[in-house]
Amino acid sequence: MALLRCINSGLAVLDTSIAHEPPKRADAFYVSKEWRALMGTILKQRGRVCERCGRSGCRIFGDHIVELKDGGAKLDPANVQLLCGSCHTAKTARAKAQRAAKSW
């Protein structure tokens, strides 16, 4: 029985230690004048405190209670809550999981 030899593909090998995902880009809406003005007003009224856990002295995110992907109002202050990074990440992950479950 004859031995088979491997043929060199000629393709470059991807070095995964230097290959990185491109940086995440914010939706253009979140850098708009309207959103920044709304956030400025909300931060002045409510303070820089997480409305879920009460944490302060950290970065605070303006989070849509009903996400835009789910039909939430973009510039309605009643649809915006202030969350710390941990609470924002957890809330966003839950909303994403709920959307995925609905699609099944």
PDB file of N, CA and C in Angstrom:
ATOM      1  N   MET A   1       0.843  -1.176   0.000  1.00  0.00           N
ATOM      2  CA  MET A   1       0.000   0.000   0.000  1.00  0.00           C
ATOM      3  C   MET A   1       0.892   1.244   0.000  1.00  0.00           C
ATOM      4  N   ALA A   2       0.574   2.195  -0.838  1.00  0.00           N
ATOM      5  CA  ALA A   2       1.390   3.398  -0.989  1.00  0.00           C
ATOM      6  C   ALA A   2       1.071   4.406   0.108  1.00  0.00           C
ATOM      7  N   LEU A   3       2.073   5.149   0.519  1.00  0.00           N
ATOM      8  CA  LEU A   3       1.884   6.198   1.513  1.00  0.00           C
ATOM      9  C   LEU A   3       1.418   7.471   0.826  1.00  0.00           C
ATOM     10  N   LEU A   4       0.504   8.158   1.467  1.00  0.00           N
ATOM     11  CA  LEU A   4       0.032   9.436   0.940  1.00  0.00           C
ATOM     12  C   LEU A   4       0.845  10.556   1.576  1.00  0.00           C
ATOM     13  N   ARG A   5       1.208  11.503   0.769  1.00  0.00           N
ATOM     14  CA  ARG A   5       1.944  12.658   1.283  1.00  0.00           C
ATOM     15  C   ARG A   5       0.990  13.833   1.435  1.00  0.00           C
ATOM     16  N   CYS A   6       1.228  14.645   2.435  1.00  0.00           N
ATOM     17  CA  CYS A   6       0.438  15.867   2.610  1.00  0.00           C
ATOM     18  C   CYS A   6       0.906  16.893   1.597  1.00  0.00           C
ATOM     19  N   ILE A   7      -0.038  17.587   1.053  1.00  0.00           N
ATOM     20  CA  ILE A   7       0.281  18.642   0.099  1.00  0.00           C
ATOM     21  C   ILE A   7       0.217  19.973   0.838  1.00  0.00           C
ATOM     22  N   ASN A   8       1.232  20.768   0.689  1.00  0.00           N
ATOM     23  CA  ASN A   8       1.272  22.084   1.306  1.00  0.00           C
ATOM     24  C   ASN A   8       0.200  22.950   0.655  1.00  0.00           C
ATOM     25  N   SER A   9      -0.668  23.547   1.473  1.00  0.00           N
ATOM     26  CA  SER A   9      -1.779  24.332   0.933  1.00  0.00           C
ATOM     27  C   SER A   9      -1.330  25.672   0.370  1.00  0.00           C
ATOM     28  N   GLY A  10      -0.245  26.188   0.852  1.00  0.00           N
ATOM     29  CA  GLY A  10       0.219  27.485   0.382  1.00  0.00           C
ATOM     30  C   GLY A  10      -0.483  28.656   1.055  1.00  0.00           C
ATOM     31  N   LEU A  11      -1.426  28.369   1.963  1.00  0.00           N
ATOM     32  CA  LEU A  11      -2.129  29.438   2.666  1.00  0.00           C
ATOM     33  C   LEU A  11      -1.324  29.878   3.877  1.00  0.00           C
ATOM     34  N   ALA A  12      -1.351  31.158   4.137  1.00  0.00           N
ATOM     35  CA  ALA A  12      -0.647  31.678   5.304  1.00  0.00           C
ATOM     36  C   ALA A  12      -1.353  31.205   6.571  1.00  0.00           C
ATOM     37  N   VAL A  13      -0.584  30.964   7.599  1.00  0.00           N
ATOM     38  CA  VAL A  13      -1.134  30.544   8.888  1.00  0.00           C
ATOM     39  C   VAL A  13      -1.505  31.797   9.671  1.00  0.00           C
ATOM     40  N   LEU A  14      -2.702  31.792  10.251  1.00  0.00           N
ATOM     41  CA  LEU A  14      -3.163  32.927  11.036  1.00  0.00           C
ATOM     42  C   LEU A  14      -2.582  32.841  12.439  1.00  0.00           C
ATOM     43  N   ASP A  15      -1.841  33.853  12.816  1.00  0.00           N
ATOM     44  CA  ASP A  15      -1.273  33.908  14.162  1.00  0.00           C
ATOM     45  C   ASP A  15      -2.345  34.466  15.093  1.00  0.00           C
ATOM     46  N   THR A  16      -2.991  33.607  15.867  1.00  0.00           N
ATOM     47  CA  THR A  16      -4.095  34.039  16.722  1.00  0.00           C
ATOM     48  C   THR A  16      -3.651  34.906  17.895  1.00  0.00           C
ATOM     49  N   SER A  17      -2.358  34.948  18.165  1.00  0.00           N
ATOM     50  CA  SER A  17      -1.902  35.803  19.265  1.00  0.00           C
ATOM     51  C   SER A  17      -1.911  37.275  18.867  1.00  0.00           C
ATOM     52  N   ILE A  18      -1.956  37.554  17.573  1.00  0.00           N
ATOM     53  CA  ILE A  18      -1.983  38.954  17.134  1.00  0.00           C
ATOM     54  C   ILE A  18      -3.251  39.295  16.359  1.00  0.00           C
ATOM     55  N   ALA A  19      -4.104  38.311  16.090  1.00  0.00           N
ATOM     56  CA  ALA A  19      -5.353  38.569  15.373  1.00  0.00           C
ATOM     57  C   ALA A  19      -6.426  38.955  16.387  1.00  0.00           C
ATOM     58  N   HIS A  20      -6.994  40.134  16.245  1.00  0.00           N
ATOM     59  CA  HIS A  20      -7.987  40.629  17.191  1.00  0.00           C
ATOM     60  C   HIS A  20      -9.239  41.069  16.450  1.00  0.00           C
ATOM     61  N   GLU A  21     -10.364  41.020  17.166  1.00  0.00           N
ATOM     62  CA  GLU A  21     -11.606  41.535  16.610  1.00  0.00           C
ATOM     63  C   GLU A  21     -11.488  43.046  16.472  1.00  0.00           C
ATOM     64  N   PRO A  22     -12.145  43.612  15.472  1.00  0.00           N
ATOM     65  CA  PRO A  22     -12.140  45.074  15.385  1.00  0.00           C
ATOM     66  C   PRO A  22     -12.887  45.656  16.587  1.00  0.00           C
ATOM     67  N   PRO A  23     -12.522  46.857  17.019  1.00  0.00           N
ATOM     68  CA  PRO A  23     -13.183  47.442  18.186  1.00  0.00           C
ATOM     69  C   PRO A  23     -14.672  47.651  17.928  1.00  0.00           C
ATOM     70  N   LYS A  24     -15.457  47.506  18.990  1.00  0.00           N
ATOM     71  CA  LYS A  24     -16.898  47.710  18.894  1.00  0.00           C
ATOM     72  C   LYS A  24     -17.163  49.192  18.650  1.00  0.00           C
ATOM     73  N   ARG A  25     -18.081  49.468  17.762  1.00  0.00           N
ATOM     74  CA  ARG A  25     -18.428  50.862  17.467  1.00  0.00           C
ATOM     75  C   ARG A  25     -19.804  51.179  18.034  1.00  0.00           C
ATOM     76  N   ALA A  26     -19.909  52.339  18.630  1.00  0.00           N
ATOM     77  CA  ALA A  26     -21.193  52.766  19.176  1.00  0.00           C
ATOM     78  C   ALA A  26     -22.133  53.124  18.032  1.00  0.00           C
ATOM     79  N   ASP A  27     -23.404  52.865  18.246  1.00  0.00           N
ATOM     80  CA  ASP A  27     -24.430  53.274  17.294  1.00  0.00           C
ATOM     81  C   ASP A  27     -24.374  54.802  17.197  1.00  0.00           C
ATOM     82  N   ALA A  28     -24.515  55.324  16.002  1.00  0.00           N
ATOM     83  CA  ALA A  28     -24.424  56.776  15.784  1.00  0.00           C
ATOM     84  C   ALA A  28     -25.425  57.542  16.647  1.00  0.00           C
ATOM     85  N   PHE A  29     -26.555  56.939  16.961  1.00  0.00           N
ATOM     86  CA  PHE A  29     -27.566  57.596  17.793  1.00  0.00           C
ATOM     87  C   PHE A  29     -26.982  58.012  19.141  1.00  0.00           C
ATOM     88  N   TYR A  30     -26.125  57.160  19.717  1.00  0.00           N
ATOM     89  CA  TYR A  30     -25.608  57.421  21.057  1.00  0.00           C
ATOM     90  C   TYR A  30     -24.535  58.504  21.105  1.00  0.00           C
ATOM     91  N   VAL A  31     -24.140  59.039  19.976  1.00  0.00           N
ATOM     92  CA  VAL A  31     -23.238  60.187  19.962  1.00  0.00           C
ATOM     93  C   VAL A  31     -23.932  61.415  19.364  1.00  0.00           C
ATOM     94  N   SER A  32     -25.251  61.316  19.163  1.00  0.00           N
ATOM     95  CA  SER A  32     -26.005  62.433  18.585  1.00  0.00           C
ATOM     96  C   SER A  32     -26.197  63.547  19.620  1.00  0.00           C
ATOM     97  N   LYS A  33     -26.433  64.750  19.128  1.00  0.00           N
ATOM     98  CA  LYS A  33     -26.671  65.902  20.010  1.00  0.00           C
ATOM     99  C   LYS A  33     -27.907  65.670  20.872  1.00  0.00           C
ATOM    100  N   GLU A  34     -28.942  65.064  20.279  1.00  0.00           N
ATOM    101  CA  GLU A  34     -30.194  64.845  21.002  1.00  0.00           C
ATOM    102  C   GLU A  34     -30.000  63.901  22.196  1.00  0.00           C
ATOM    103  N   TRP A  35     -29.292  62.794  21.971  1.00  0.00           N
ATOM    104  CA  TRP A  35     -29.057  61.830  23.053  1.00  0.00           C
ATOM    105  C   TRP A  35     -28.172  62.439  24.137  1.00  0.00           C
ATOM    106  N   ARG A  36     -27.129  63.146  23.726  1.00  0.00           N
ATOM    107  CA  ARG A  36     -26.228  63.761  24.711  1.00  0.00           C
ATOM    108  C   ARG A  36     -26.957  64.813  25.552  1.00  0.00           C
ATOM    109  N   ALA A  37     -27.839  65.580  24.913  1.00  0.00           N
ATOM    110  CA  ALA A  37     -28.605  66.585  25.653  1.00  0.00           C
ATOM    111  C   ALA A  37     -29.550  65.907  26.646  1.00  0.00           C
ATOM    112  N   LEU A  38     -30.234  64.864  26.203  1.00  0.00           N
ATOM    113  CA  LEU A  38     -31.137  64.132  27.094  1.00  0.00           C
ATOM    114  C   LEU A  38     -30.371  63.542  28.274  1.00  0.00           C
ATOM    115  N   MET A  39     -29.225  62.939  28.007  1.00  0.00           N
ATOM    116  CA  MET A  39     -28.425  62.349  29.080  1.00  0.00           C
ATOM    117  C   MET A  39     -27.931  63.413  30.057  1.00  0.00           C
ATOM    118  N   GLY A  40     -27.548  64.570  29.536  1.00  0.00           N
ATOM    119  CA  GLY A  40     -27.120  65.660  30.416  1.00  0.00           C
ATOM    120  C   GLY A  40     -28.228  66.072  31.366  1.00  0.00           C
ATOM    121  N   THR A  41     -29.438  66.185  30.838  1.00  0.00           N
ATOM    122  CA  THR A  41     -30.595  66.555  31.656  1.00  0.00           C
ATOM    123  C   THR A  41     -30.892  65.484  32.702  1.00  0.00           C
ATOM    124  N   ILE A  42     -30.905  64.226  32.279  1.00  0.00           N
ATOM    125  CA  ILE A  42     -31.208  63.120  33.198  1.00  0.00           C
ATOM    126  C   ILE A  42     -30.154  63.023  34.298  1.00  0.00           C
ATOM    127  N   LEU A  43     -28.884  63.162  33.942  1.00  0.00           N
ATOM    128  CA  LEU A  43     -27.815  63.087  34.943  1.00  0.00           C
ATOM    129  C   LEU A  43     -27.928  64.216  35.964  1.00  0.00           C
ATOM    130  N   LYS A  44     -28.308  65.421  35.520  1.00  0.00           N
ATOM    131  CA  LYS A  44     -28.484  66.539  36.451  1.00  0.00           C
ATOM    132  C   LYS A  44     -29.654  66.282  37.391  1.00  0.00           C
ATOM    133  N   GLN A  45     -30.749  65.745  36.849  1.00  0.00           N
ATOM    134  CA  GLN A  45     -31.946  65.504  37.658  1.00  0.00           C
ATOM    135  C   GLN A  45     -31.766  64.349  38.641  1.00  0.00           C
ATOM    136  N   ARG A  46     -31.197  63.250  38.171  1.00  0.00           N
ATOM    137  CA  ARG A  46     -31.156  62.019  38.967  1.00  0.00           C
ATOM    138  C   ARG A  46     -29.818  61.770  39.661  1.00  0.00           C
ATOM    139  N   GLY A  47     -28.774  62.455  39.221  1.00  0.00           N
ATOM    140  CA  GLY A  47     -27.446  62.236  39.788  1.00  0.00           C
ATOM    141  C   GLY A  47     -26.750  61.053  39.141  1.00  0.00           C
ATOM    142  N   ARG A  48     -25.461  60.946  39.400  1.00  0.00           N
ATOM    143  CA  ARG A  48     -24.648  59.863  38.805  1.00  0.00           C
ATOM    144  C   ARG A  48     -24.645  58.645  39.726  1.00  0.00           C
ATOM    145  N   VAL A  49     -25.816  58.047  39.857  1.00  0.00           N
ATOM    146  CA  VAL A  49     -26.002  56.888  40.734  1.00  0.00           C
ATOM    147  C   VAL A  49     -26.744  55.813  39.950  1.00  0.00           C
ATOM    148  N   CYS A  50     -26.302  54.568  40.100  1.00  0.00           N
ATOM    149  CA  CYS A  50     -26.983  53.452  39.441  1.00  0.00           C
ATOM    150  C   CYS A  50     -28.377  53.314  40.044  1.00  0.00           C
ATOM    151  N   GLU A  51     -29.376  53.321  39.192  1.00  0.00           N
ATOM    152  CA  GLU A  51     -30.758  53.245  39.665  1.00  0.00           C
ATOM    153  C   GLU A  51     -31.174  51.809  40.009  1.00  0.00           C
ATOM    154  N   ARG A  52     -30.313  50.853  39.782  1.00  0.00           N
ATOM    155  CA  ARG A  52     -30.624  49.464  40.144  1.00  0.00           C
ATOM    156  C   ARG A  52     -29.952  49.080  41.465  1.00  0.00           C
ATOM    157  N   CYS A  53     -28.640  49.321  41.588  1.00  0.00           N
ATOM    158  CA  CYS A  53     -27.919  48.861  42.789  1.00  0.00           C
ATOM    159  C   CYS A  53     -27.480  50.004  43.710  1.00  0.00           C
ATOM    160  N   GLY A  54     -27.602  51.263  43.246  1.00  0.00           N
ATOM    161  CA  GLY A  54     -27.242  52.401  44.082  1.00  0.00           C
ATOM    162  C   GLY A  54     -25.770  52.781  44.058  1.00  0.00           C
ATOM    163  N   ARG A  55     -24.983  52.116  43.240  1.00  0.00           N
ATOM    164  CA  ARG A  55     -23.546  52.383  43.167  1.00  0.00           C
ATOM    165  C   ARG A  55     -23.293  53.778  42.593  1.00  0.00           C
ATOM    166  N   SER A  56     -22.280  54.457  43.122  1.00  0.00           N
ATOM    167  CA  SER A  56     -21.882  55.768  42.604  1.00  0.00           C
ATOM    168  C   SER A  56     -20.367  55.804  42.491  1.00  0.00           C
ATOM    169  N   GLY A  57     -19.844  56.863  41.916  1.00  0.00           N
ATOM    170  CA  GLY A  57     -18.399  56.992  41.770  1.00  0.00           C
ATOM    171  C   GLY A  57     -17.831  56.111  40.677  1.00  0.00           C
ATOM    172  N   CYS A  58     -18.670  55.694  39.756  1.00  0.00           N
ATOM    173  CA  CYS A  58     -18.239  54.847  38.646  1.00  0.00           C
ATOM    174  C   CYS A  58     -18.883  55.376  37.365  1.00  0.00           C
ATOM    175  N   ARG A  59     -18.512  54.794  36.254  1.00  0.00           N
ATOM    176  CA  ARG A  59     -19.111  55.200  34.983  1.00  0.00           C
ATOM    177  C   ARG A  59     -20.585  54.791  34.982  1.00  0.00           C
ATOM    178  N   ILE A  60     -21.441  55.714  34.586  1.00  0.00           N
ATOM    179  CA  ILE A  60     -22.882  55.476  34.544  1.00  0.00           C
ATOM    180  C   ILE A  60     -23.341  55.503  33.086  1.00  0.00           C
ATOM    181  N   PHE A  61     -24.147  54.519  32.728  1.00  0.00           N
ATOM    182  CA  PHE A  61     -24.657  54.389  31.364  1.00  0.00           C
ATOM    183  C   PHE A  61     -26.136  54.753  31.322  1.00  0.00           C
ATOM    184  N   GLY A  62     -26.540  55.425  30.264  1.00  0.00           N
ATOM    185  CA  GLY A  62     -27.955  55.652  30.007  1.00  0.00           C
ATOM    186  C   GLY A  62     -28.483  54.428  29.280  1.00  0.00           C
ATOM    187  N   ASP A  63     -29.436  53.738  29.884  1.00  0.00           N
ATOM    188  CA  ASP A  63     -29.943  52.482  29.336  1.00  0.00           C
ATOM    189  C   ASP A  63     -31.427  52.611  29.030  1.00  0.00           C
ATOM    190  N   HIS A  64     -31.816  52.179  27.839  1.00  0.00           N
ATOM    191  CA  HIS A  64     -33.234  52.160  27.491  1.00  0.00           C
ATOM    192  C   HIS A  64     -33.902  50.998  28.222  1.00  0.00           C
ATOM    193  N   ILE A  65     -34.918  51.284  29.003  1.00  0.00           N
ATOM    194  CA  ILE A  65     -35.633  50.259  29.754  1.00  0.00           C
ATOM    195  C   ILE A  65     -36.230  49.251  28.779  1.00  0.00           C
ATOM    196  N   VAL A  66     -36.986  49.754  27.807  1.00  0.00           N
ATOM    197  CA  VAL A  66     -37.433  48.918  26.689  1.00  0.00           C
ATOM    198  C   VAL A  66     -36.448  49.212  25.567  1.00  0.00           C
ATOM    199  N   GLU A  67     -35.622  48.235  25.227  1.00  0.00           N
ATOM    200  CA  GLU A  67     -34.561  48.453  24.245  1.00  0.00           C
ATOM    201  C   GLU A  67     -35.122  48.903  22.902  1.00  0.00           C
ATOM    202  N   LEU A  68     -34.320  49.678  22.184  1.00  0.00           N
ATOM    203  CA  LEU A  68     -34.740  50.177  20.878  1.00  0.00           C
ATOM    204  C   LEU A  68     -35.085  49.025  19.941  1.00  0.00           C
ATOM    205  N   LYS A  69     -34.335  47.926  20.025  1.00  0.00           N
ATOM    206  CA  LYS A  69     -34.596  46.749  19.188  1.00  0.00           C
ATOM    207  C   LYS A  69     -35.953  46.134  19.488  1.00  0.00           C
ATOM    208  N   ASP A  70     -36.477  46.424  20.680  1.00  0.00           N
ATOM    209  CA  ASP A  70     -37.770  45.880  21.086  1.00  0.00           C
ATOM    210  C   ASP A  70     -38.885  46.916  20.966  1.00  0.00           C
ATOM    211  N   GLY A  71     -38.591  48.050  20.315  1.00  0.00           N
ATOM    212  CA  GLY A  71     -39.610  49.076  20.085  1.00  0.00           C
ATOM    213  C   GLY A  71     -39.653  50.183  21.110  1.00  0.00           C
ATOM    214  N   GLY A  72     -38.646  50.303  21.953  1.00  0.00           N
ATOM    215  CA  GLY A  72     -38.612  51.355  22.963  1.00  0.00           C
ATOM    216  C   GLY A  72     -38.415  52.733  22.348  1.00  0.00           C
ATOM    217  N   ALA A  73     -38.917  53.760  23.047  1.00  0.00           N
ATOM    218  CA  ALA A  73     -38.802  55.141  22.577  1.00  0.00           C
ATOM    219  C   ALA A  73     -37.368  55.631  22.752  1.00  0.00           C
ATOM    220  N   LYS A  74     -36.823  56.244  21.700  1.00  0.00           N
ATOM    221  CA  LYS A  74     -35.424  56.686  21.718  1.00  0.00           C
ATOM    222  C   LYS A  74     -35.148  57.790  22.724  1.00  0.00           C
ATOM    223  N   LEU A  75     -35.978  58.823  22.720  1.00  0.00           N
ATOM    224  CA  LEU A  75     -35.667  60.025  23.491  1.00  0.00           C
ATOM    225  C   LEU A  75     -36.689  60.322  24.584  1.00  0.00           C
ATOM    226  N   ASP A  76     -37.365  59.311  25.087  1.00  0.00           N
ATOM    227  CA  ASP A  76     -38.328  59.474  26.171  1.00  0.00           C
ATOM    228  C   ASP A  76     -37.604  59.264  27.503  1.00  0.00           C
ATOM    229  N   PRO A  77     -37.511  60.304  28.335  1.00  0.00           N
ATOM    230  CA  PRO A  77     -36.810  60.155  29.613  1.00  0.00           C
ATOM    231  C   PRO A  77     -37.389  59.036  30.485  1.00  0.00           C
ATOM    232  N   ALA A  78     -38.676  58.738  30.331  1.00  0.00           N
ATOM    233  CA  ALA A  78     -39.299  57.665  31.106  1.00  0.00           C
ATOM    234  C   ALA A  78     -38.800  56.292  30.664  1.00  0.00           C
ATOM    235  N   ASN A  79     -38.177  56.208  29.490  1.00  0.00           N
ATOM    236  CA  ASN A  79     -37.646  54.942  28.985  1.00  0.00           C
ATOM    237  C   ASN A  79     -36.138  54.835  29.206  1.00  0.00           C
ATOM    238  N   VAL A  80     -35.563  55.751  29.975  1.00  0.00           N
ATOM    239  CA  VAL A  80     -34.115  55.740  30.212  1.00  0.00           C
ATOM    240  C   VAL A  80     -33.850  55.573  31.702  1.00  0.00           C
ATOM    241  N   GLN A  81     -32.978  54.632  32.026  1.00  0.00           N
ATOM    242  CA  GLN A  81     -32.534  54.460  33.407  1.00  0.00           C
ATOM    243  C   GLN A  81     -31.019  54.575  33.442  1.00  0.00           C
ATOM    244  N   LEU A  82     -30.495  55.001  34.565  1.00  0.00           N
ATOM    245  CA  LEU A  82     -29.053  55.135  34.737  1.00  0.00           C
ATOM    246  C   LEU A  82     -28.527  53.887  35.434  1.00  0.00           C
ATOM    247  N   LEU A  83     -27.561  53.212  34.797  1.00  0.00           N
ATOM    248  CA  LEU A  83     -27.020  51.970  35.337  1.00  0.00           C
ATOM    249  C   LEU A  83     -25.501  51.995  35.359  1.00  0.00           C
ATOM    250  N   CYS A  84     -24.920  51.338  36.378  1.00  0.00           N
ATOM    251  CA  CYS A  84     -23.471  51.149  36.406  1.00  0.00           C
ATOM    252  C   CYS A  84     -23.120  50.087  35.358  1.00  0.00           C
ATOM    253  N   GLY A  85     -21.858  49.900  35.087  1.00  0.00           N
ATOM    254  CA  GLY A  85     -21.435  48.952  34.068  1.00  0.00           C
ATOM    255  C   GLY A  85     -21.905  47.533  34.323  1.00  0.00           C
ATOM    256  N   SER A  86     -21.830  47.073  35.569  1.00  0.00           N
ATOM    257  CA  SER A  86     -22.245  45.704  35.905  1.00  0.00           C
ATOM    258  C   SER A  86     -23.734  45.501  35.671  1.00  0.00           C
ATOM    259  N   CYS A  87     -24.538  46.426  36.158  1.00  0.00           N
ATOM    260  CA  CYS A  87     -25.993  46.306  35.989  1.00  0.00           C
ATOM    261  C   CYS A  87     -26.386  46.449  34.522  1.00  0.00           C
ATOM    262  N   HIS A  88     -25.712  47.343  33.798  1.00  0.00           N
ATOM    263  CA  HIS A  88     -26.012  47.535  32.380  1.00  0.00           C
ATOM    264  C   HIS A  88     -25.698  46.272  31.586  1.00  0.00           C
ATOM    265  N   THR A  89     -24.549  45.661  31.858  1.00  0.00           N
ATOM    266  CA  THR A  89     -24.161  44.438  31.154  1.00  0.00           C
ATOM    267  C   THR A  89     -25.154  43.313  31.438  1.00  0.00           C
ATOM    268  N   ALA A  90     -25.541  43.149  32.702  1.00  0.00           N
ATOM    269  CA  ALA A  90     -26.481  42.089  33.079  1.00  0.00           C
ATOM    270  C   ALA A  90     -27.848  42.315  32.443  1.00  0.00           C
ATOM    271  N   LYS A  91     -28.338  43.547  32.467  1.00  0.00           N
ATOM    272  CA  LYS A  91     -29.657  43.857  31.902  1.00  0.00           C
ATOM    273  C   LYS A  91     -29.656  43.631  30.398  1.00  0.00           C
ATOM    274  N   THR A  92     -28.601  44.063  29.722  1.00  0.00           N
ATOM    275  CA  THR A  92     -28.502  43.896  28.274  1.00  0.00           C
ATOM    276  C   THR A  92     -28.429  42.418  27.902  1.00  0.00           C
ATOM    277  N   ALA A  93     -27.697  41.633  28.669  1.00  0.00           N
ATOM    278  CA  ALA A  93     -27.596  40.193  28.401  1.00  0.00           C
ATOM    279  C   ALA A  93     -28.950  39.508  28.573  1.00  0.00           C
ATOM    280  N   ARG A  94     -29.708  39.904  29.611  1.00  0.00           N
ATOM    281  CA  ARG A  94     -31.042  39.329  29.816  1.00  0.00           C
ATOM    282  C   ARG A  94     -31.966  39.666  28.655  1.00  0.00           C
ATOM    283  N   ALA A  95     -31.944  40.925  28.209  1.00  0.00           N
ATOM    284  CA  ALA A  95     -32.804  41.341  27.097  1.00  0.00           C
ATOM    285  C   ALA A  95     -32.434  40.596  25.819  1.00  0.00           C
ATOM    286  N   LYS A  96     -31.146  40.423  25.596  1.00  0.00           N
ATOM    287  CA  LYS A  96     -30.680  39.699  24.408  1.00  0.00           C
ATOM    288  C   LYS A  96     -31.130  38.234  24.459  1.00  0.00           C
ATOM    289  N   ALA A  97     -31.035  37.617  25.635  1.00  0.00           N
ATOM    290  CA  ALA A  97     -31.460  36.217  25.794  1.00  0.00           C
ATOM    291  C   ALA A  97     -32.963  36.077  25.583  1.00  0.00           C
ATOM    292  N   GLN A  98     -33.735  37.048  26.075  1.00  0.00           N
ATOM    293  CA  GLN A  98     -35.188  37.004  25.884  1.00  0.00           C
ATOM    294  C   GLN A  98     -35.552  37.129  24.410  1.00  0.00           C
ATOM    295  N   ARG A  99     -34.837  38.006  23.689  1.00  0.00           N
ATOM    296  CA  ARG A  99     -35.091  38.142  22.245  1.00  0.00           C
ATOM    297  C   ARG A  99     -34.759  36.844  21.520  1.00  0.00           C
ATOM    298  N   ALA A 100     -33.654  36.219  21.907  1.00  0.00           N
ATOM    299  CA  ALA A 100     -33.244  34.963  21.269  1.00  0.00           C
ATOM    300  C   ALA A 100     -34.270  33.865  21.546  1.00  0.00           C
ATOM    301  N   ALA A 101     -34.802  33.820  22.770  1.00  0.00           N
ATOM    302  CA  ALA A 101     -35.795  32.800  23.124  1.00  0.00           C
ATOM    303  C   ALA A 101     -37.083  32.991  22.327  1.00  0.00           C
ATOM    304  N   LYS A 102     -37.457  34.254  22.080  1.00  0.00           N
ATOM    305  CA  LYS A 102     -38.672  34.536  21.303  1.00  0.00           C
ATOM    306  C   LYS A 102     -38.527  34.108  19.852  1.00  0.00           C
ATOM    307  N   SER A 103     -37.304  34.162  19.346  1.00  0.00           N
ATOM    308  CA  SER A 103     -37.093  33.836  17.932  1.00  0.00           C
ATOM    309  C   SER A 103     -37.189  32.338  17.673  1.00  0.00           C
ATOM    310  N   TRP A 104     -37.190  31.518  18.719  1.00  0.00           N
ATOM    311  CA  TRP A 104     -37.315  30.066  18.537  1.00  0.00           C
ATOM    312  C   TRP A 104     -38.730  29.741  18.390  1.00  0.00           C
TER     313      TRP A 104
END
